Amino acid sequence: MNLTEKAALRVSEFLDKRKAGIGLRIRIKTTGCSGLSYKLEYADAFDKNNVMFESFGVKVFIDKNDLIYLDGTKIDYVKEGLKEGFKFINPNEKAKCGCGESFTV
C-alpha cells in the first residue's frame, strides 16, 4: 500500500487544514452494487488492529482484516475534467460497478 507524491501532498494539506490527526485511515466496507467500497477518514489515534504504512511522510493506517483487499494498492490524486479526487489503483480488483463506487475481488 502506498500513496503517490500528489496523493500524499493532498492528504498533508487536509491534515494541516484540520489541525488534527496523525494520518489517513483506509477501510473497506460492504456496500454498492459490486459489494465493496473504499472509505477514507482521518486517523486520530493508532488502533492496535491497524497496520501502518508511510508514503512521502504521510502515515496510512489499515485494519489488518482489510489488508487482503488492499495488498499492492496505490492511491493517486487526480484531476479529470471538472472532477478531482483520490484514485485507487488496486491489482486485486476483478470488476467495478458502472458508477465506479464499488468493486469486487
N, C-alpha and C. Protein backbone atom coordinates (compact mmCIF):
# COMPACT_ATOMS: atom_id res chain seq x y z
N MET A 1 0.84 -1.17 0.00
CA MET A 1 0.00 0.00 0.00
C MET A 1 0.89 1.23 0.00
N ASN A 2 0.67 2.12 -0.97
CA ASN A 2 1.40 3.38 -0.95
C ASN A 2 0.62 4.49 -1.62
N LEU A 3 1.02 5.70 -1.32
CA LEU A 3 0.45 6.90 -1.92
C LEU A 3 1.43 7.45 -2.93
N THR A 4 0.91 8.03 -4.00
CA THR A 4 1.79 8.78 -4.88
C THR A 4 2.16 10.08 -4.18
N GLU A 5 3.15 10.76 -4.71
CA GLU A 5 3.57 12.02 -4.10
C GLU A 5 2.42 13.03 -4.10
N LYS A 6 1.63 13.08 -5.21
CA LYS A 6 0.50 14.01 -5.27
C LYS A 6 -0.56 13.68 -4.22
N ALA A 7 -0.84 12.40 -4.03
CA ALA A 7 -1.84 11.99 -3.04
C ALA A 7 -1.35 12.32 -1.63
N ALA A 8 -0.09 12.06 -1.36
CA ALA A 8 0.46 12.35 -0.03
C ALA A 8 0.42 13.85 0.25
N LEU A 9 0.73 14.67 -0.74
CA LEU A 9 0.68 16.11 -0.57
C LEU A 9 -0.75 16.56 -0.26
N ARG A 10 -1.72 15.99 -0.95
CA ARG A 10 -3.12 16.37 -0.72
C ARG A 10 -3.58 15.96 0.68
N VAL A 11 -3.21 14.77 1.12
CA VAL A 11 -3.55 14.32 2.48
C VAL A 11 -2.91 15.25 3.50
N SER A 12 -1.66 15.60 3.29
CA SER A 12 -0.97 16.53 4.20
C SER A 12 -1.68 17.87 4.28
N GLU A 13 -2.15 18.37 3.13
CA GLU A 13 -2.89 19.64 3.12
C GLU A 13 -4.18 19.53 3.93
N PHE A 14 -4.90 18.40 3.77
CA PHE A 14 -6.14 18.20 4.53
C PHE A 14 -5.85 18.14 6.03
N LEU A 15 -4.80 17.42 6.41
CA LEU A 15 -4.46 17.30 7.84
C LEU A 15 -4.03 18.65 8.42
N ASP A 16 -3.24 19.42 7.65
CA ASP A 16 -2.82 20.74 8.11
C ASP A 16 -4.02 21.67 8.30
N LYS A 17 -4.93 21.63 7.34
CA LYS A 17 -6.13 22.48 7.42
C LYS A 17 -6.99 22.09 8.62
N ARG A 18 -7.07 20.81 8.90
CA ARG A 18 -7.87 20.29 10.01
C ARG A 18 -7.20 20.58 11.35
N LYS A 19 -5.89 20.69 11.36
CA LYS A 19 -5.08 20.95 12.56
C LYS A 19 -5.21 19.82 13.60
N ALA A 20 -5.42 18.62 13.10
CA ALA A 20 -5.52 17.45 13.98
C ALA A 20 -5.33 16.21 13.13
N GLY A 21 -5.00 15.09 13.80
CA GLY A 21 -4.87 13.82 13.11
C GLY A 21 -3.43 13.41 12.93
N ILE A 22 -3.23 12.11 12.88
CA ILE A 22 -1.88 11.57 12.71
C ILE A 22 -1.66 10.94 11.34
N GLY A 23 -2.74 10.88 10.53
CA GLY A 23 -2.61 10.28 9.22
C GLY A 23 -3.95 9.98 8.59
N LEU A 24 -3.93 9.06 7.65
CA LEU A 24 -5.10 8.67 6.88
C LEU A 24 -5.46 7.23 7.21
N ARG A 25 -6.73 6.97 7.45
CA ARG A 25 -7.20 5.60 7.68
C ARG A 25 -8.01 5.18 6.46
N ILE A 26 -7.70 3.99 5.95
CA ILE A 26 -8.42 3.44 4.80
C ILE A 26 -9.13 2.18 5.26
N ARG A 27 -10.41 2.13 4.96
CA ARG A 27 -11.21 0.96 5.33
C ARG A 27 -11.93 0.42 4.11
N ILE A 28 -12.29 -0.83 4.20
CA ILE A 28 -13.12 -1.46 3.19
C ILE A 28 -14.48 -1.70 3.83
N LYS A 29 -15.54 -1.26 3.15
CA LYS A 29 -16.86 -1.54 3.69
C LYS A 29 -17.70 -2.24 2.64
N THR A 30 -18.65 -3.01 3.11
CA THR A 30 -19.55 -3.74 2.23
C THR A 30 -20.68 -2.81 1.83
N THR A 31 -20.79 -2.57 0.53
CA THR A 31 -21.81 -1.65 0.02
C THR A 31 -21.83 -1.68 -1.50
N GLY A 32 -22.76 -0.99 -2.09
CA GLY A 32 -22.80 -0.79 -3.53
C GLY A 32 -23.21 -2.02 -4.31
N CYS A 33 -23.28 -1.86 -5.61
CA CYS A 33 -23.74 -2.96 -6.46
C CYS A 33 -22.69 -4.04 -6.68
N SER A 34 -21.41 -3.72 -6.47
CA SER A 34 -20.37 -4.73 -6.65
C SER A 34 -19.91 -5.37 -5.35
N GLY A 35 -20.29 -4.79 -4.22
CA GLY A 35 -20.01 -5.44 -2.95
C GLY A 35 -19.08 -4.74 -1.98
N LEU A 36 -18.01 -4.08 -2.46
CA LEU A 36 -17.03 -3.46 -1.57
C LEU A 36 -16.75 -2.03 -2.02
N SER A 37 -16.42 -1.18 -1.05
CA SER A 37 -16.02 0.17 -1.40
C SER A 37 -14.94 0.65 -0.44
N TYR A 38 -14.22 1.67 -0.87
CA TYR A 38 -13.16 2.26 -0.06
C TYR A 38 -13.76 3.36 0.80
N LYS A 39 -13.27 3.46 2.01
CA LYS A 39 -13.68 4.54 2.90
C LYS A 39 -12.41 5.20 3.44
N LEU A 40 -12.29 6.49 3.20
CA LEU A 40 -11.15 7.27 3.70
C LEU A 40 -11.62 8.12 4.86
N GLU A 41 -10.81 8.17 5.91
CA GLU A 41 -11.13 9.01 7.05
C GLU A 41 -9.84 9.43 7.73
N TYR A 42 -9.92 10.44 8.56
CA TYR A 42 -8.76 10.87 9.32
C TYR A 42 -8.46 9.84 10.40
N ALA A 43 -7.19 9.63 10.64
CA ALA A 43 -6.76 8.78 11.76
C ALA A 43 -6.30 9.72 12.86
N ASP A 44 -6.99 9.65 13.99
CA ASP A 44 -6.62 10.50 15.12
C ASP A 44 -5.79 9.75 16.15
N ALA A 45 -5.81 8.43 16.06
CA ALA A 45 -5.03 7.61 17.00
C ALA A 45 -4.72 6.27 16.33
N PHE A 46 -3.67 5.64 16.80
CA PHE A 46 -3.31 4.31 16.31
C PHE A 46 -4.19 3.27 16.99
N ASP A 47 -4.74 2.37 16.20
CA ASP A 47 -5.57 1.29 16.70
C ASP A 47 -4.73 0.01 16.64
N LYS A 48 -4.76 -0.78 17.70
CA LYS A 48 -3.92 -1.99 17.74
C LYS A 48 -4.26 -2.99 16.65
N ASN A 49 -5.44 -2.88 16.02
CA ASN A 49 -5.82 -3.76 14.91
C ASN A 49 -5.36 -3.22 13.56
N ASN A 50 -4.64 -2.10 13.57
CA ASN A 50 -4.17 -1.48 12.33
C ASN A 50 -2.74 -1.83 12.02
N VAL A 51 -2.43 -1.77 10.73
CA VAL A 51 -1.07 -1.84 10.23
C VAL A 51 -0.78 -0.45 9.66
N MET A 52 0.41 0.05 9.91
CA MET A 52 0.76 1.38 9.43
C MET A 52 1.77 1.30 8.29
N PHE A 53 1.52 2.09 7.26
CA PHE A 53 2.45 2.28 6.16
C PHE A 53 2.77 3.76 6.10
N GLU A 54 3.88 4.12 5.50
CA GLU A 54 4.20 5.53 5.35
C GLU A 54 4.66 5.79 3.93
N SER A 55 4.09 6.84 3.33
CA SER A 55 4.45 7.25 1.98
C SER A 55 4.66 8.75 1.96
N PHE A 56 5.83 9.20 1.55
CA PHE A 56 6.15 10.62 1.43
C PHE A 56 5.79 11.37 2.71
N GLY A 57 6.05 10.74 3.86
CA GLY A 57 5.83 11.38 5.14
C GLY A 57 4.42 11.29 5.70
N VAL A 58 3.51 10.66 4.97
CA VAL A 58 2.12 10.52 5.42
C VAL A 58 1.91 9.10 5.93
N LYS A 59 1.37 8.99 7.14
CA LYS A 59 1.06 7.68 7.72
C LYS A 59 -0.31 7.22 7.24
N VAL A 60 -0.36 5.96 6.81
CA VAL A 60 -1.60 5.36 6.33
C VAL A 60 -1.88 4.16 7.22
N PHE A 61 -3.10 4.11 7.77
CA PHE A 61 -3.49 3.04 8.69
C PHE A 61 -4.57 2.19 8.03
N ILE A 62 -4.38 0.86 8.12
CA ILE A 62 -5.32 -0.09 7.53
C ILE A 62 -5.60 -1.18 8.54
N ASP A 63 -6.87 -1.52 8.70
CA ASP A 63 -7.25 -2.62 9.57
C ASP A 63 -6.65 -3.91 9.01
N LYS A 64 -6.13 -4.74 9.88
CA LYS A 64 -5.49 -5.99 9.45
C LYS A 64 -6.43 -6.85 8.60
N ASN A 65 -7.73 -6.82 8.91
CA ASN A 65 -8.70 -7.62 8.15
C ASN A 65 -8.90 -7.11 6.73
N ASP A 66 -8.58 -5.84 6.47
CA ASP A 66 -8.77 -5.26 5.14
C ASP A 66 -7.54 -5.39 4.25
N LEU A 67 -6.43 -5.83 4.82
CA LEU A 67 -5.19 -5.94 4.03
C LEU A 67 -5.34 -6.85 2.82
N ILE A 68 -6.12 -7.90 2.95
CA ILE A 68 -6.30 -8.84 1.84
C ILE A 68 -6.87 -8.15 0.60
N TYR A 69 -7.70 -7.11 0.81
CA TYR A 69 -8.30 -6.39 -0.31
C TYR A 69 -7.40 -5.29 -0.86
N LEU A 70 -6.44 -4.84 -0.05
CA LEU A 70 -5.64 -3.66 -0.41
C LEU A 70 -4.19 -3.95 -0.73
N ASP A 71 -3.76 -5.20 -0.64
CA ASP A 71 -2.37 -5.55 -0.89
C ASP A 71 -1.95 -5.09 -2.28
N GLY A 72 -0.90 -4.30 -2.34
CA GLY A 72 -0.37 -3.83 -3.62
C GLY A 72 -1.06 -2.59 -4.18
N THR A 73 -1.99 -2.01 -3.43
CA THR A 73 -2.75 -0.87 -3.91
C THR A 73 -1.93 0.42 -3.86
N LYS A 74 -2.11 1.23 -4.89
CA LYS A 74 -1.51 2.56 -4.93
C LYS A 74 -2.66 3.57 -4.99
N ILE A 75 -2.52 4.67 -4.24
CA ILE A 75 -3.53 5.72 -4.26
C ILE A 75 -2.91 6.96 -4.87
N ASP A 76 -3.59 7.49 -5.88
CA ASP A 76 -3.13 8.70 -6.55
C ASP A 76 -4.18 9.79 -6.32
N TYR A 77 -3.81 11.03 -6.57
CA TYR A 77 -4.75 12.14 -6.54
C TYR A 77 -4.78 12.71 -7.94
N VAL A 78 -5.95 12.67 -8.58
CA VAL A 78 -6.04 13.05 -9.99
C VAL A 78 -7.12 14.09 -10.22
N LYS A 79 -6.92 14.86 -11.28
CA LYS A 79 -7.92 15.80 -11.77
C LYS A 79 -8.30 15.32 -13.16
N GLU A 80 -9.60 15.03 -13.34
CA GLU A 80 -10.10 14.58 -14.64
C GLU A 80 -11.28 15.47 -15.01
N GLY A 81 -11.05 16.39 -15.94
CA GLY A 81 -12.09 17.34 -16.29
C GLY A 81 -12.40 18.24 -15.12
N LEU A 82 -13.66 18.30 -14.73
CA LEU A 82 -14.06 19.13 -13.60
C LEU A 82 -14.02 18.37 -12.28
N LYS A 83 -13.72 17.09 -12.33
CA LYS A 83 -13.67 16.27 -11.13
C LYS A 83 -12.23 16.08 -10.66
N GLU A 84 -12.08 16.01 -9.35
CA GLU A 84 -10.77 15.67 -8.79
C GLU A 84 -11.00 14.83 -7.55
N GLY A 85 -10.02 13.97 -7.26
CA GLY A 85 -10.15 13.14 -6.08
C GLY A 85 -9.11 12.04 -6.06
N PHE A 86 -9.24 11.19 -5.04
CA PHE A 86 -8.31 10.09 -4.88
C PHE A 86 -8.73 8.94 -5.79
N LYS A 87 -7.73 8.33 -6.42
CA LYS A 87 -7.96 7.21 -7.33
C LYS A 87 -7.20 6.00 -6.81
N PHE A 88 -7.90 4.90 -6.65
CA PHE A 88 -7.31 3.66 -6.17
C PHE A 88 -6.89 2.81 -7.36
N ILE A 89 -5.63 2.42 -7.39
CA ILE A 89 -5.12 1.50 -8.41
C ILE A 89 -4.84 0.21 -7.66
N ASN A 90 -5.83 -0.69 -7.69
CA ASN A 90 -5.81 -1.90 -6.88
C ASN A 90 -5.70 -3.13 -7.77
N PRO A 91 -4.58 -3.85 -7.71
CA PRO A 91 -4.39 -5.03 -8.56
C PRO A 91 -5.31 -6.19 -8.18
N ASN A 92 -5.98 -6.09 -7.03
CA ASN A 92 -6.88 -7.16 -6.59
C ASN A 92 -8.29 -7.02 -7.14
N GLU A 93 -8.63 -5.87 -7.69
CA GLU A 93 -9.97 -5.67 -8.22
C GLU A 93 -10.21 -6.55 -9.43
N LYS A 94 -11.33 -7.24 -9.40
CA LYS A 94 -11.72 -8.07 -10.55
C LYS A 94 -12.72 -7.32 -11.43
N ALA A 95 -13.56 -6.46 -10.80
CA ALA A 95 -14.55 -5.69 -11.54
C ALA A 95 -15.00 -4.50 -10.70
N LYS A 96 -15.52 -3.48 -11.40
CA LYS A 96 -16.10 -2.30 -10.75
C LYS A 96 -17.53 -2.15 -11.25
N CYS A 97 -18.35 -1.52 -10.42
CA CYS A 97 -19.71 -1.22 -10.87
C CYS A 97 -19.65 -0.10 -11.90
N GLY A 98 -20.72 0.13 -12.60
CA GLY A 98 -20.75 1.14 -13.66
C GLY A 98 -20.45 2.54 -13.19
N CYS A 99 -20.88 2.88 -11.97
CA CYS A 99 -20.63 4.23 -11.47
C CYS A 99 -19.26 4.37 -10.82
N GLY A 100 -18.56 3.26 -10.61
CA GLY A 100 -17.23 3.31 -10.05
C GLY A 100 -17.16 3.43 -8.54
N GLU A 101 -18.30 3.30 -7.87
CA GLU A 101 -18.33 3.44 -6.40
C GLU A 101 -17.98 2.18 -5.65
N SER A 102 -18.09 1.03 -6.28
CA SER A 102 -17.79 -0.21 -5.57
C SER A 102 -17.05 -1.18 -6.49
N PHE A 103 -16.49 -2.23 -5.89
CA PHE A 103 -15.69 -3.17 -6.65
C PHE A 103 -15.81 -4.58 -6.06
N THR A 104 -15.32 -5.56 -6.80
CA THR A 104 -15.25 -6.94 -6.32
C THR A 104 -13.81 -7.41 -6.44
N VAL A 105 -13.46 -8.41 -5.61
CA VAL A 105 -12.13 -9.01 -5.69
C VAL A 105 -12.27 -10.49 -5.99
